[in-house]
């Protein structure tokens, strides 16, 4: 069997390759990354069967845990070497950035993901060492504008992969009765949702490499040939 070609550098990495690198990072750090799945699994269990207003409140209350998982994912993939104080700052930024997302979920999933694609990279930017609220938000927008199509497409793809895979895994795990089905969904989200955080952290690497590049050098475009 022929060897697979080496992955493209972050500046030219496609959405599919980002997902593949997220899976690779998860496999290399499985036990360390597995707890990242708890916030989404717990929130899904808590909001099940409740009104949309209750769901928004629950997701707001769990914002610090979602943010903590994202910060931990950034550390796992090797973004920066921040002191504890910088990690706390990144966690606080992530908590604040997350708060509008549940409200946007009332409209549809896409507006919420679009918001996180635009401002969510503030968390890894803070982990990487950017300080000050204004500077870190400005950095997040700069990263998003570097290739917003790649950022939004990557997050949407990660959500779809986790949702579809979770549905299949839950179907394989579930037994008889509603309780068994809820347990199977809970377990599938614990196992699969770390990909969301690891992929979002790796997206920061992609977008950082794209800042300042001409559009033709992005998303796997062929480099110009020297005369």
N, C-alpha and C. Protein backbone atom coordinates (compact mmCIF):
# COMPACT_ATOMS: atom_id res chain seq x y z
N UNK A 1 0.85 -1.20 0.00
CA UNK A 1 0.00 0.00 0.00
C UNK A 1 0.89 1.25 0.00
N UNK A 2 0.55 2.19 -0.87
CA UNK A 2 1.35 3.41 -0.98
C UNK A 2 1.17 4.26 0.26
N UNK A 3 2.24 4.95 0.65
CA UNK A 3 2.15 5.84 1.80
C UNK A 3 1.23 7.01 1.49
N UNK A 4 0.52 7.46 2.52
CA UNK A 4 -0.33 8.63 2.35
C UNK A 4 0.54 9.87 2.20
N UNK A 5 0.09 10.84 1.39
CA UNK A 5 0.87 12.07 1.25
C UNK A 5 0.90 12.82 2.57
N UNK A 6 1.97 13.57 2.82
CA UNK A 6 2.05 14.33 4.07
C UNK A 6 0.95 15.39 4.11
N UNK A 7 0.47 15.73 5.31
CA UNK A 7 -0.58 16.75 5.41
C UNK A 7 -0.06 18.11 4.97
N UNK A 8 -0.98 18.91 4.45
CA UNK A 8 -0.62 20.26 4.06
C UNK A 8 -0.28 21.09 5.29
N UNK A 9 0.54 22.12 5.14
CA UNK A 9 0.82 23.01 6.27
C UNK A 9 -0.44 23.74 6.69
N UNK A 10 -0.48 24.26 7.93
CA UNK A 10 -1.71 24.89 8.43
C UNK A 10 -2.26 25.99 7.53
N UNK A 11 -1.39 26.75 6.87
CA UNK A 11 -1.87 27.84 6.02
C UNK A 11 -2.68 27.35 4.83
N UNK A 12 -2.50 26.09 4.45
CA UNK A 12 -3.18 25.54 3.28
C UNK A 12 -4.05 24.34 3.63
N UNK A 13 -4.21 24.06 4.92
CA UNK A 13 -4.95 22.88 5.34
C UNK A 13 -6.43 23.03 5.01
N UNK A 14 -7.03 21.99 4.48
CA UNK A 14 -8.45 22.00 4.16
C UNK A 14 -9.28 21.65 5.39
N UNK A 15 -10.59 21.81 5.25
CA UNK A 15 -11.49 21.47 6.35
C UNK A 15 -11.37 19.99 6.70
N UNK A 16 -11.34 19.15 5.68
CA UNK A 16 -11.23 17.72 5.92
C UNK A 16 -9.95 17.35 6.64
N UNK A 17 -8.85 18.01 6.29
CA UNK A 17 -7.58 17.74 6.96
C UNK A 17 -7.59 18.24 8.40
N UNK A 18 -8.29 19.35 8.64
CA UNK A 18 -8.41 19.83 10.02
C UNK A 18 -9.14 18.80 10.88
N UNK A 19 -10.21 18.23 10.33
CA UNK A 19 -10.94 17.19 11.08
C UNK A 19 -10.04 15.99 11.31
N UNK A 20 -9.28 15.61 10.29
CA UNK A 20 -8.38 14.47 10.43
C UNK A 20 -7.30 14.73 11.48
N UNK A 21 -6.75 15.95 11.50
CA UNK A 21 -5.75 16.29 12.50
C UNK A 21 -6.36 16.35 13.91
N UNK A 22 -7.63 16.74 13.99
CA UNK A 22 -8.32 16.75 15.29
C UNK A 22 -8.46 15.33 15.82
N UNK A 23 -8.82 14.41 14.94
CA UNK A 23 -8.95 13.01 15.33
C UNK A 23 -7.59 12.46 15.75
N UNK A 24 -6.55 12.84 15.01
CA UNK A 24 -5.20 12.38 15.35
C UNK A 24 -4.77 12.91 16.72
N UNK A 25 -5.05 14.19 16.98
CA UNK A 25 -4.70 14.77 18.28
C UNK A 25 -5.48 14.10 19.40
N UNK A 26 -6.73 13.77 19.14
CA UNK A 26 -7.55 13.09 20.14
C UNK A 26 -6.98 11.70 20.44
N UNK A 27 -6.62 10.98 19.38
CA UNK A 27 -6.06 9.65 19.58
C UNK A 27 -4.75 9.67 20.34
N UNK A 28 -3.95 10.71 20.11
CA UNK A 28 -2.65 10.80 20.78
C UNK A 28 -2.79 11.24 22.24
N UNK A 29 -3.94 11.83 22.60
CA UNK A 29 -4.14 12.32 23.97
C UNK A 29 -5.50 11.88 24.50
N UNK A 30 -5.86 10.62 24.23
CA UNK A 30 -7.24 10.18 24.46
C UNK A 30 -7.68 10.39 25.91
N UNK A 31 -6.94 9.86 26.86
CA UNK A 31 -7.38 9.93 28.25
C UNK A 31 -7.34 11.35 28.79
N UNK A 32 -6.38 12.14 28.32
CA UNK A 32 -6.32 13.53 28.77
C UNK A 32 -7.43 14.37 28.18
N UNK A 33 -7.87 14.01 26.95
CA UNK A 33 -8.90 14.79 26.27
C UNK A 33 -10.31 14.31 26.56
N UNK A 34 -10.46 13.07 27.00
CA UNK A 34 -11.80 12.51 27.21
C UNK A 34 -12.68 13.35 28.15
N UNK A 35 -12.15 13.90 29.26
CA UNK A 35 -13.02 14.72 30.13
C UNK A 35 -13.58 15.96 29.46
N UNK A 36 -13.01 16.37 28.33
CA UNK A 36 -13.55 17.53 27.62
C UNK A 36 -14.98 17.29 27.16
N UNK A 37 -15.37 16.04 27.06
CA UNK A 37 -16.71 15.73 26.60
C UNK A 37 -17.79 15.90 27.66
N UNK A 38 -17.40 16.08 28.92
CA UNK A 38 -18.39 16.16 29.99
C UNK A 38 -19.33 17.37 29.89
N UNK A 39 -18.85 18.59 29.59
CA UNK A 39 -19.78 19.72 29.57
C UNK A 39 -20.93 19.55 28.58
N UNK A 40 -20.64 19.12 27.37
CA UNK A 40 -21.71 18.96 26.38
C UNK A 40 -22.62 17.80 26.75
N UNK A 41 -22.04 16.71 27.25
CA UNK A 41 -22.87 15.57 27.65
C UNK A 41 -23.80 15.93 28.79
N UNK A 42 -23.28 16.62 29.80
CA UNK A 42 -24.09 17.01 30.95
C UNK A 42 -25.16 18.02 30.54
N UNK A 43 -24.79 19.00 29.71
CA UNK A 43 -25.76 20.02 29.30
C UNK A 43 -26.89 19.40 28.49
N UNK A 44 -26.57 18.45 27.62
CA UNK A 44 -27.61 17.78 26.83
C UNK A 44 -28.57 17.03 27.72
N UNK A 45 -28.05 16.40 28.76
CA UNK A 45 -28.90 15.68 29.71
C UNK A 45 -29.79 16.65 30.49
N UNK A 46 -29.24 17.80 30.87
CA UNK A 46 -29.99 18.74 31.70
C UNK A 46 -31.08 19.46 30.91
N UNK A 47 -30.84 19.76 29.63
CA UNK A 47 -31.82 20.54 28.87
C UNK A 47 -32.86 19.66 28.18
N UNK A 48 -32.64 18.37 28.17
CA UNK A 48 -33.57 17.48 27.47
C UNK A 48 -34.98 17.59 28.04
N UNK A 49 -35.94 17.88 27.16
CA UNK A 49 -37.35 17.95 27.55
C UNK A 49 -37.79 19.27 28.13
N UNK A 50 -36.90 20.25 28.22
CA UNK A 50 -37.26 21.55 28.80
C UNK A 50 -37.53 22.58 27.70
N UNK A 51 -38.14 23.68 28.09
CA UNK A 51 -38.44 24.75 27.15
C UNK A 51 -37.15 25.42 26.66
N UNK A 52 -37.25 26.16 25.57
CA UNK A 52 -36.08 26.80 25.00
C UNK A 52 -35.50 27.83 25.96
N UNK A 53 -36.36 28.52 26.70
CA UNK A 53 -35.86 29.51 27.67
C UNK A 53 -35.06 28.84 28.77
N UNK A 54 -35.55 27.71 29.25
CA UNK A 54 -34.81 26.97 30.27
C UNK A 54 -33.49 26.46 29.72
N UNK A 55 -33.50 26.01 28.49
CA UNK A 55 -32.27 25.51 27.86
C UNK A 55 -31.22 26.62 27.78
N UNK A 56 -31.64 27.82 27.41
CA UNK A 56 -30.70 28.95 27.33
C UNK A 56 -30.09 29.23 28.69
N UNK A 57 -30.90 29.23 29.73
CA UNK A 57 -30.40 29.51 31.08
C UNK A 57 -29.40 28.44 31.51
N UNK A 58 -29.71 27.18 31.24
CA UNK A 58 -28.81 26.10 31.62
C UNK A 58 -27.48 26.24 30.88
N UNK A 59 -27.53 26.55 29.59
CA UNK A 59 -26.30 26.71 28.81
C UNK A 59 -25.50 27.92 29.28
N UNK A 60 -26.18 28.95 29.74
CA UNK A 60 -25.47 30.09 30.34
C UNK A 60 -24.74 29.66 31.60
N UNK A 61 -25.44 28.92 32.46
CA UNK A 61 -24.84 28.49 33.72
C UNK A 61 -23.64 27.58 33.51
N UNK A 62 -23.65 26.84 32.43
CA UNK A 62 -22.55 25.92 32.14
C UNK A 62 -21.44 26.56 31.30
N UNK A 63 -21.59 27.85 30.99
CA UNK A 63 -20.58 28.54 30.17
C UNK A 63 -19.16 28.40 30.73
N UNK A 64 -18.94 28.53 32.05
CA UNK A 64 -17.58 28.38 32.56
C UNK A 64 -16.97 27.00 32.28
N UNK A 65 -17.82 25.97 32.23
CA UNK A 65 -17.31 24.63 31.98
C UNK A 65 -16.97 24.42 30.50
N UNK A 66 -17.80 24.98 29.62
CA UNK A 66 -17.46 24.93 28.19
C UNK A 66 -16.15 25.66 27.93
N UNK A 67 -15.99 26.81 28.57
CA UNK A 67 -14.77 27.60 28.39
C UNK A 67 -13.55 26.86 28.93
N UNK A 68 -13.71 26.24 30.08
CA UNK A 68 -12.59 25.49 30.67
C UNK A 68 -12.16 24.34 29.76
N UNK A 69 -13.13 23.68 29.13
CA UNK A 69 -12.80 22.59 28.21
C UNK A 69 -12.03 23.11 27.00
N UNK A 70 -12.42 24.26 26.50
CA UNK A 70 -11.74 24.85 25.34
C UNK A 70 -10.31 25.25 25.70
N UNK A 71 -10.14 25.86 26.85
CA UNK A 71 -8.80 26.24 27.30
C UNK A 71 -7.92 25.00 27.44
N UNK A 72 -8.48 23.96 28.03
CA UNK A 72 -7.71 22.72 28.19
C UNK A 72 -7.34 22.12 26.84
N UNK A 73 -8.25 22.19 25.87
CA UNK A 73 -7.95 21.67 24.53
C UNK A 73 -6.79 22.44 23.90
N UNK A 74 -6.76 23.76 24.11
CA UNK A 74 -5.67 24.56 23.57
C UNK A 74 -4.33 24.13 24.16
N UNK A 75 -4.32 23.82 25.44
CA UNK A 75 -3.10 23.34 26.08
C UNK A 75 -2.70 21.98 25.53
N UNK A 76 -3.67 21.11 25.32
CA UNK A 76 -3.39 19.75 24.82
C UNK A 76 -2.73 19.80 23.46
N UNK A 77 -3.20 20.68 22.56
CA UNK A 77 -2.62 20.73 21.21
C UNK A 77 -1.35 21.56 21.16
N UNK A 78 -0.95 22.13 22.29
CA UNK A 78 0.35 22.80 22.36
C UNK A 78 0.37 24.26 21.97
N UNK A 79 -0.74 24.96 22.19
CA UNK A 79 -0.77 26.39 21.89
C UNK A 79 -0.15 27.16 23.05
N UNK A 80 1.00 27.73 22.81
CA UNK A 80 1.66 28.55 23.82
C UNK A 80 2.12 27.75 25.02
N UNK A 81 2.68 28.46 26.00
CA UNK A 81 3.10 27.88 27.27
C UNK A 81 2.74 28.88 28.37
N UNK A 82 1.42 29.09 28.55
CA UNK A 82 0.98 30.22 29.38
C UNK A 82 1.09 29.93 30.87
N UNK A 83 1.34 30.96 31.66
CA UNK A 83 1.25 30.81 33.12
C UNK A 83 -0.20 30.66 33.55
N UNK A 84 -0.41 30.32 34.81
CA UNK A 84 -1.76 30.08 35.31
C UNK A 84 -2.65 31.33 35.14
N UNK A 85 -2.08 32.50 35.39
CA UNK A 85 -2.88 33.72 35.27
C UNK A 85 -3.41 33.93 33.87
N UNK A 86 -2.61 33.61 32.86
CA UNK A 86 -3.06 33.77 31.48
C UNK A 86 -4.15 32.76 31.15
N UNK A 87 -4.05 31.56 31.71
CA UNK A 87 -5.10 30.56 31.49
C UNK A 87 -6.42 31.00 32.11
N UNK A 88 -6.34 31.63 33.27
CA UNK A 88 -7.56 32.14 33.91
C UNK A 88 -8.17 33.25 33.06
N UNK A 89 -7.32 34.11 32.50
CA UNK A 89 -7.80 35.17 31.62
C UNK A 89 -8.48 34.57 30.38
N UNK A 90 -7.86 33.56 29.78
CA UNK A 90 -8.44 32.90 28.62
C UNK A 90 -9.78 32.26 28.97
N UNK A 91 -9.86 31.66 30.15
CA UNK A 91 -11.11 31.05 30.61
C UNK A 91 -12.21 32.11 30.76
N UNK A 92 -11.87 33.25 31.33
CA UNK A 92 -12.86 34.33 31.51
C UNK A 92 -13.33 34.86 30.16
N UNK A 93 -12.40 35.03 29.22
CA UNK A 93 -12.76 35.48 27.88
C UNK A 93 -13.69 34.47 27.22
N UNK A 94 -13.35 33.19 27.34
CA UNK A 94 -14.18 32.15 26.74
C UNK A 94 -15.58 32.11 27.32
N UNK A 95 -15.70 32.32 28.62
CA UNK A 95 -17.01 32.35 29.26
C UNK A 95 -17.85 33.49 28.71
N UNK A 96 -17.25 34.67 28.56
CA UNK A 96 -17.98 35.82 28.04
C UNK A 96 -18.38 35.63 26.57
N UNK A 97 -17.46 35.09 25.78
CA UNK A 97 -17.75 34.89 24.35
C UNK A 97 -18.86 33.87 24.16
N UNK A 98 -18.93 32.87 25.04
CA UNK A 98 -19.94 31.82 24.89
C UNK A 98 -21.36 32.32 25.15
N UNK A 99 -21.53 33.34 25.99
CA UNK A 99 -22.86 33.73 26.46
C UNK A 99 -23.87 34.04 25.34
N UNK A 100 -23.49 34.73 24.24
CA UNK A 100 -24.49 34.96 23.19
C UNK A 100 -24.85 33.69 22.40
N UNK A 101 -24.02 32.67 22.43
CA UNK A 101 -24.24 31.49 21.59
C UNK A 101 -25.56 30.79 21.90
N UNK A 102 -25.93 30.55 23.17
CA UNK A 102 -27.22 29.90 23.43
C UNK A 102 -28.42 30.70 22.95
N UNK A 103 -28.32 32.04 23.01
CA UNK A 103 -29.42 32.88 22.52
C UNK A 103 -29.56 32.71 21.02
N UNK A 104 -28.44 32.68 20.30
CA UNK A 104 -28.47 32.50 18.86
C UNK A 104 -28.96 31.11 18.47
N UNK A 105 -28.80 30.14 19.36
CA UNK A 105 -29.31 28.80 19.09
C UNK A 105 -30.83 28.78 18.99
N UNK A 106 -31.48 29.78 19.55
CA UNK A 106 -32.94 29.87 19.45
C UNK A 106 -33.35 30.11 18.00
N UNK A 107 -32.47 30.73 17.23
CA UNK A 107 -32.76 30.94 15.82
C UNK A 107 -32.46 29.68 15.00
N UNK A 108 -31.23 29.19 15.16
CA UNK A 108 -30.79 27.98 14.46
C UNK A 108 -29.36 27.72 14.89
N UNK A 109 -28.84 26.56 14.53
CA UNK A 109 -27.47 26.22 14.91
C UNK A 109 -26.47 27.13 14.20
N UNK A 110 -26.71 27.42 12.92
CA UNK A 110 -25.72 28.15 12.12
C UNK A 110 -25.38 29.52 12.68
N UNK A 111 -26.33 30.36 13.09
CA UNK A 111 -25.94 31.66 13.67
C UNK A 111 -25.04 31.53 14.88
N UNK A 112 -25.31 30.52 15.71
CA UNK A 112 -24.46 30.32 16.89
C UNK A 112 -23.05 29.93 16.49
N UNK A 113 -22.93 29.03 15.52
CA UNK A 113 -21.61 28.61 15.05
C UNK A 113 -20.90 29.78 14.37
N UNK A 114 -21.66 30.59 13.62
CA UNK A 114 -21.06 31.75 12.95
C UNK A 114 -20.49 32.74 13.96
N UNK A 115 -21.20 32.92 15.08
CA UNK A 115 -20.70 33.80 16.15
C UNK A 115 -19.40 33.26 16.72
N UNK A 116 -19.37 31.96 17.00
CA UNK A 116 -18.17 31.36 17.58
C UNK A 116 -17.01 31.37 16.59
N UNK A 117 -17.30 31.25 15.30
CA UNK A 117 -16.24 31.34 14.30
C UNK A 117 -15.64 32.74 14.25
N UNK A 118 -16.45 33.75 14.57
CA UNK A 118 -15.98 35.13 14.50
C UNK A 118 -15.23 35.55 15.76
N UNK A 119 -15.66 35.08 16.93
CA UNK A 119 -15.07 35.55 18.18
C UNK A 119 -14.47 34.43 19.05
N UNK A 120 -14.77 33.19 18.74
CA UNK A 120 -14.31 32.09 19.58
C UNK A 120 -12.81 31.93 19.64
N UNK A 121 -12.11 32.38 18.60
CA UNK A 121 -10.66 32.24 18.58
C UNK A 121 -9.97 33.18 19.57
N UNK A 122 -10.77 33.98 20.26
CA UNK A 122 -10.21 34.79 21.34
C UNK A 122 -9.61 33.92 22.43
N UNK A 123 -10.17 32.73 22.63
CA UNK A 123 -9.68 31.85 23.70
C UNK A 123 -8.27 31.35 23.40
N UNK A 124 -8.03 30.70 22.26
CA UNK A 124 -6.64 30.29 21.99
C UNK A 124 -5.70 31.47 21.82
N UNK A 125 -6.22 32.61 21.35
CA UNK A 125 -5.37 33.80 21.25
C UNK A 125 -4.88 34.21 22.64
N UNK A 126 -5.77 34.14 23.63
CA UNK A 126 -5.38 34.47 25.00
C UNK A 126 -4.42 33.42 25.56
N UNK A 127 -4.68 32.16 25.26
CA UNK A 127 -3.77 31.10 25.71
C UNK A 127 -2.38 31.30 25.11
N UNK A 128 -2.34 31.78 23.87
CA UNK A 128 -1.07 31.99 23.19
C UNK A 128 -0.30 33.18 23.73
N UNK A 129 -0.96 34.02 24.54
CA UNK A 129 -0.23 35.11 25.17
C UNK A 129 -0.76 36.50 24.94
N UNK A 130 -1.80 36.66 24.11
CA UNK A 130 -2.39 37.98 23.90
C UNK A 130 -3.08 38.42 25.19
N UNK A 131 -2.80 39.63 25.62
CA UNK A 131 -3.35 40.13 26.88
C UNK A 131 -4.28 41.31 26.61
N UNK A 132 -5.15 41.58 27.57
CA UNK A 132 -6.08 42.70 27.45
C UNK A 132 -7.32 42.30 26.67
N UNK A 133 -8.49 42.67 27.18
CA UNK A 133 -9.74 42.26 26.55
C UNK A 133 -9.86 42.80 25.13
N UNK A 134 -9.57 44.08 24.95
CA UNK A 134 -9.70 44.67 23.61
C UNK A 134 -8.73 44.04 22.63
N UNK A 135 -7.51 43.82 23.07
CA UNK A 135 -6.52 43.24 22.16
C UNK A 135 -6.88 41.80 21.78
N UNK A 136 -7.38 41.04 22.73
CA UNK A 136 -7.68 39.65 22.42
C UNK A 136 -8.90 39.54 21.51
N UNK A 137 -9.89 40.41 21.69
CA UNK A 137 -11.04 40.42 20.79
C UNK A 137 -10.64 40.88 19.39
N UNK A 138 -9.78 41.89 19.35
CA UNK A 138 -9.28 42.35 18.05
C UNK A 138 -8.51 41.26 17.34
N UNK A 139 -7.70 40.50 18.10
CA UNK A 139 -6.94 39.40 17.53
C UNK A 139 -7.88 38.31 17.01
N UNK A 140 -8.95 38.03 17.75
CA UNK A 140 -9.91 37.02 17.31
C UNK A 140 -10.55 37.41 15.99
N UNK A 141 -10.92 38.66 15.86
CA UNK A 141 -11.53 39.12 14.60
C UNK A 141 -10.52 39.08 13.46
N UNK A 142 -9.28 39.43 13.74
CA UNK A 142 -8.23 39.36 12.72
C UNK A 142 -8.05 37.93 12.23
N UNK A 143 -8.05 36.99 13.16
CA UNK A 143 -7.90 35.58 12.81
C UNK A 143 -9.10 35.09 12.00
N UNK A 144 -10.29 35.49 12.39
CA UNK A 144 -11.49 35.07 11.67
C UNK A 144 -11.49 35.62 10.25
N UNK A 145 -11.12 36.88 10.09
CA UNK A 145 -11.12 37.50 8.76
C UNK A 145 -10.03 36.92 7.85
N UNK A 146 -9.02 36.31 8.43
CA UNK A 146 -7.95 35.75 7.61
C UNK A 146 -8.50 34.72 6.62
N UNK A 147 -9.51 33.98 7.01
CA UNK A 147 -10.19 33.04 6.12
C UNK A 147 -11.46 32.59 6.83
N UNK A 148 -12.47 33.45 6.79
CA UNK A 148 -13.70 33.15 7.54
C UNK A 148 -14.42 31.93 7.00
N UNK A 149 -14.32 31.71 5.70
CA UNK A 149 -14.96 30.53 5.11
C UNK A 149 -14.37 29.25 5.71
N UNK A 150 -13.05 29.24 5.87
CA UNK A 150 -12.40 28.07 6.47
C UNK A 150 -12.80 27.92 7.94
N UNK A 151 -12.85 29.04 8.66
CA UNK A 151 -13.21 28.98 10.08
C UNK A 151 -14.63 28.48 10.27
N UNK A 152 -15.58 29.07 9.54
CA UNK A 152 -16.97 28.67 9.68
C UNK A 152 -17.18 27.25 9.17
N UNK A 153 -16.58 26.93 8.03
CA UNK A 153 -16.73 25.59 7.47
C UNK A 153 -16.16 24.52 8.38
N UNK A 154 -15.04 24.83 9.03
CA UNK A 154 -14.41 23.86 9.92
C UNK A 154 -15.29 23.59 11.13
N UNK A 155 -15.81 24.65 11.75
CA UNK A 155 -16.66 24.46 12.93
C UNK A 155 -17.96 23.74 12.58
N UNK A 156 -18.55 24.12 11.44
CA UNK A 156 -19.78 23.44 11.01
C UNK A 156 -19.52 21.96 10.76
N UNK A 157 -18.40 21.67 10.12
CA UNK A 157 -18.08 20.27 9.83
C UNK A 157 -17.85 19.48 11.11
N UNK A 158 -17.15 20.07 12.06
CA UNK A 158 -16.93 19.39 13.34
C UNK A 158 -18.25 19.11 14.06
N UNK A 159 -19.17 20.08 14.03
CA UNK A 159 -20.48 19.88 14.64
C UNK A 159 -21.23 18.75 13.95
N UNK A 160 -21.19 18.73 12.62
CA UNK A 160 -21.89 17.69 11.87
C UNK A 160 -21.29 16.32 12.14
N UNK A 161 -19.96 16.25 12.15
CA UNK A 161 -19.29 14.97 12.40
C UNK A 161 -19.65 14.42 13.77
N UNK A 162 -19.61 15.28 14.78
CA UNK A 162 -19.93 14.84 16.14
C UNK A 162 -21.40 14.45 16.25
N UNK A 163 -22.29 15.25 15.64
CA UNK A 163 -23.72 14.97 15.73
C UNK A 163 -24.06 13.65 15.03
N UNK A 164 -23.56 13.46 13.81
CA UNK A 164 -23.87 12.23 13.08
C UNK A 164 -23.23 11.02 13.74
N UNK A 165 -21.97 11.14 14.11
CA UNK A 165 -21.29 10.02 14.76
C UNK A 165 -21.94 9.70 16.10
N UNK A 166 -22.35 10.76 16.82
CA UNK A 166 -23.02 10.54 18.09
C UNK A 166 -24.33 9.81 17.93
N UNK A 167 -25.08 10.16 16.87
CA UNK A 167 -26.33 9.47 16.62
C UNK A 167 -26.13 8.00 16.32
N UNK A 168 -25.11 7.70 15.53
CA UNK A 168 -24.81 6.30 15.19
C UNK A 168 -24.36 5.54 16.43
N UNK A 169 -23.45 6.17 17.21
CA UNK A 169 -22.94 5.50 18.40
C UNK A 169 -24.04 5.29 19.43
N UNK A 170 -24.91 6.28 19.59
CA UNK A 170 -26.02 6.14 20.53
C UNK A 170 -26.95 5.02 20.10
N UNK A 171 -27.18 4.90 18.79
CA UNK A 171 -28.04 3.83 18.29
C UNK A 171 -27.43 2.46 18.56
N UNK A 172 -26.11 2.37 18.48
CA UNK A 172 -25.44 1.10 18.75
C UNK A 172 -25.45 0.76 20.24
N UNK A 173 -25.42 1.79 21.09
CA UNK A 173 -25.33 1.57 22.52
C UNK A 173 -26.68 1.37 23.20
N UNK A 174 -27.72 1.96 22.63
CA UNK A 174 -28.97 2.01 23.39
C UNK A 174 -29.64 0.65 23.47
N UNK A 175 -30.30 0.43 24.60
CA UNK A 175 -31.06 -0.80 24.80
C UNK A 175 -32.54 -0.48 24.83
N UNK A 176 -33.26 -1.16 25.69
CA UNK A 176 -34.70 -0.95 25.78
C UNK A 176 -34.98 0.16 26.79
N UNK A 177 -35.97 1.01 26.46
CA UNK A 177 -36.41 2.00 27.42
C UNK A 177 -35.75 3.35 27.23
N UNK A 178 -36.42 4.38 27.72
CA UNK A 178 -35.95 5.75 27.56
C UNK A 178 -34.68 6.01 28.36
N UNK A 179 -34.59 5.42 29.55
CA UNK A 179 -33.41 5.64 30.38
C UNK A 179 -32.15 5.14 29.69
N UNK A 180 -32.23 3.95 29.11
CA UNK A 180 -31.07 3.39 28.41
C UNK A 180 -30.68 4.25 27.23
N UNK A 181 -31.68 4.81 26.54
CA UNK A 181 -31.38 5.66 25.39
C UNK A 181 -30.67 6.95 25.83
N UNK A 182 -31.11 7.53 26.94
CA UNK A 182 -30.47 8.76 27.43
C UNK A 182 -29.05 8.48 27.88
N UNK A 183 -28.83 7.33 28.49
CA UNK A 183 -27.48 6.97 28.91
C UNK A 183 -26.58 6.79 27.69
N UNK A 184 -27.11 6.18 26.63
CA UNK A 184 -26.30 5.96 25.43
C UNK A 184 -25.92 7.28 24.76
N UNK A 185 -26.87 8.23 24.75
CA UNK A 185 -26.56 9.56 24.19
C UNK A 185 -25.50 10.24 25.04
N UNK A 186 -25.64 10.16 26.35
CA UNK A 186 -24.68 10.77 27.28
C UNK A 186 -23.28 10.22 27.05
N UNK A 187 -23.16 8.91 26.95
CA UNK A 187 -21.85 8.29 26.75
C UNK A 187 -21.26 8.63 25.39
N UNK A 188 -22.09 8.66 24.37
CA UNK A 188 -21.58 8.98 23.03
C UNK A 188 -21.06 10.40 22.96
N UNK A 189 -21.72 11.34 23.66
CA UNK A 189 -21.26 12.73 23.65
C UNK A 189 -19.96 12.88 24.44
N UNK A 190 -19.82 12.15 25.52
CA UNK A 190 -18.57 12.20 26.27
C UNK A 190 -17.41 11.77 25.38
N UNK A 191 -17.62 10.72 24.60
CA UNK A 191 -16.55 10.17 23.77
C UNK A 191 -16.24 11.06 22.57
N UNK A 192 -17.28 11.64 21.96
CA UNK A 192 -17.10 12.31 20.68
C UNK A 192 -16.89 13.83 20.77
N UNK A 193 -17.53 14.48 21.73
CA UNK A 193 -17.48 15.95 21.73
C UNK A 193 -16.11 16.56 22.00
N UNK A 194 -15.12 15.84 22.58
CA UNK A 194 -13.78 16.45 22.63
C UNK A 194 -13.24 16.88 21.28
N UNK A 195 -13.71 16.26 20.21
CA UNK A 195 -13.27 16.66 18.87
C UNK A 195 -13.61 18.11 18.58
N UNK A 196 -14.74 18.59 19.11
CA UNK A 196 -15.13 19.98 18.89
C UNK A 196 -14.09 20.94 19.44
N UNK A 197 -13.64 20.69 20.64
CA UNK A 197 -12.68 21.58 21.30
C UNK A 197 -11.29 21.46 20.67
N UNK A 198 -10.86 20.24 20.41
CA UNK A 198 -9.55 20.05 19.81
C UNK A 198 -9.51 20.63 18.41
N UNK A 199 -10.59 20.44 17.65
CA UNK A 199 -10.65 21.03 16.31
C UNK A 199 -10.65 22.54 16.33
N UNK A 200 -11.39 23.12 17.29
CA UNK A 200 -11.41 24.58 17.41
C UNK A 200 -10.05 25.12 17.81
N UNK A 201 -9.33 24.37 18.63
CA UNK A 201 -7.98 24.80 19.01
C UNK A 201 -7.04 24.73 17.81
N UNK A 202 -7.12 23.66 17.03
CA UNK A 202 -6.28 23.54 15.83
C UNK A 202 -6.66 24.57 14.78
N UNK A 203 -7.92 24.98 14.77
CA UNK A 203 -8.35 26.03 13.84
C UNK A 203 -7.57 27.32 14.09
N UNK A 204 -7.25 27.59 15.35
CA UNK A 204 -6.43 28.76 15.66
C UNK A 204 -5.09 28.69 14.95
N UNK A 205 -4.50 27.50 14.91
CA UNK A 205 -3.21 27.32 14.23
C UNK A 205 -3.37 27.62 12.74
N UNK A 206 -4.45 27.10 12.14
CA UNK A 206 -4.70 27.35 10.72
C UNK A 206 -4.86 28.84 10.44
N UNK A 207 -5.72 29.49 11.22
CA UNK A 207 -6.02 30.90 10.97
C UNK A 207 -4.82 31.79 11.23
N UNK A 208 -4.02 31.45 12.22
CA UNK A 208 -2.80 32.23 12.48
C UNK A 208 -1.86 32.17 11.30
N UNK A 209 -1.75 31.00 10.68
CA UNK A 209 -0.86 30.85 9.53
C UNK A 209 -1.42 31.55 8.30
N UNK A 210 -2.72 31.80 8.27
CA UNK A 210 -3.35 32.44 7.11
C UNK A 210 -3.33 33.97 7.18
N UNK A 211 -3.11 34.52 8.36
CA UNK A 211 -3.13 35.98 8.50
C UNK A 211 -2.09 36.60 7.56
N UNK A 212 -2.54 37.52 6.71
CA UNK A 212 -1.65 38.22 5.80
C UNK A 212 -1.36 37.50 4.51
N UNK A 213 -1.84 36.25 4.35
CA UNK A 213 -1.57 35.52 3.11
C UNK A 213 -2.55 35.95 2.02
N UNK A 214 -2.10 35.99 0.76
CA UNK A 214 -3.04 36.20 -0.34
C UNK A 214 -4.05 35.07 -0.40
N UNK A 215 -5.24 35.34 -0.87
CA UNK A 215 -6.30 34.34 -0.90
C UNK A 215 -5.90 33.11 -1.70
N UNK A 216 -5.09 33.28 -2.72
CA UNK A 216 -4.70 32.15 -3.56
C UNK A 216 -3.79 31.16 -2.86
N UNK A 217 -3.21 31.53 -1.73
CA UNK A 217 -2.33 30.63 -0.99
C UNK A 217 -3.07 29.84 0.09
N UNK A 218 -4.41 30.00 0.16
CA UNK A 218 -5.16 29.35 1.22
C UNK A 218 -5.91 28.14 0.69
N UNK A 219 -6.36 27.31 1.64
CA UNK A 219 -7.18 26.14 1.38
C UNK A 219 -6.59 25.25 0.31
N UNK A 220 -5.28 24.99 0.41
CA UNK A 220 -4.66 24.01 -0.45
C UNK A 220 -4.35 24.50 -1.85
N UNK A 221 -4.39 25.80 -2.08
CA UNK A 221 -4.07 26.31 -3.41
C UNK A 221 -2.61 26.03 -3.73
N UNK A 222 -2.32 25.81 -5.00
CA UNK A 222 -0.95 25.54 -5.40
C UNK A 222 -0.10 26.79 -5.24
N UNK A 223 1.10 26.66 -4.71
CA UNK A 223 1.96 27.82 -4.57
C UNK A 223 2.42 28.32 -5.93
N UNK A 224 2.69 29.60 -6.04
CA UNK A 224 3.14 30.12 -7.33
C UNK A 224 4.46 29.51 -7.76
N UNK A 225 4.62 29.31 -9.04
CA UNK A 225 5.85 28.73 -9.58
C UNK A 225 6.86 29.83 -9.83
N UNK A 226 8.07 29.63 -9.35
CA UNK A 226 9.12 30.63 -9.53
C UNK A 226 9.50 30.72 -11.00
N UNK A 227 9.78 31.90 -11.49
CA UNK A 227 10.19 32.04 -12.90
C UNK A 227 11.55 31.42 -13.14
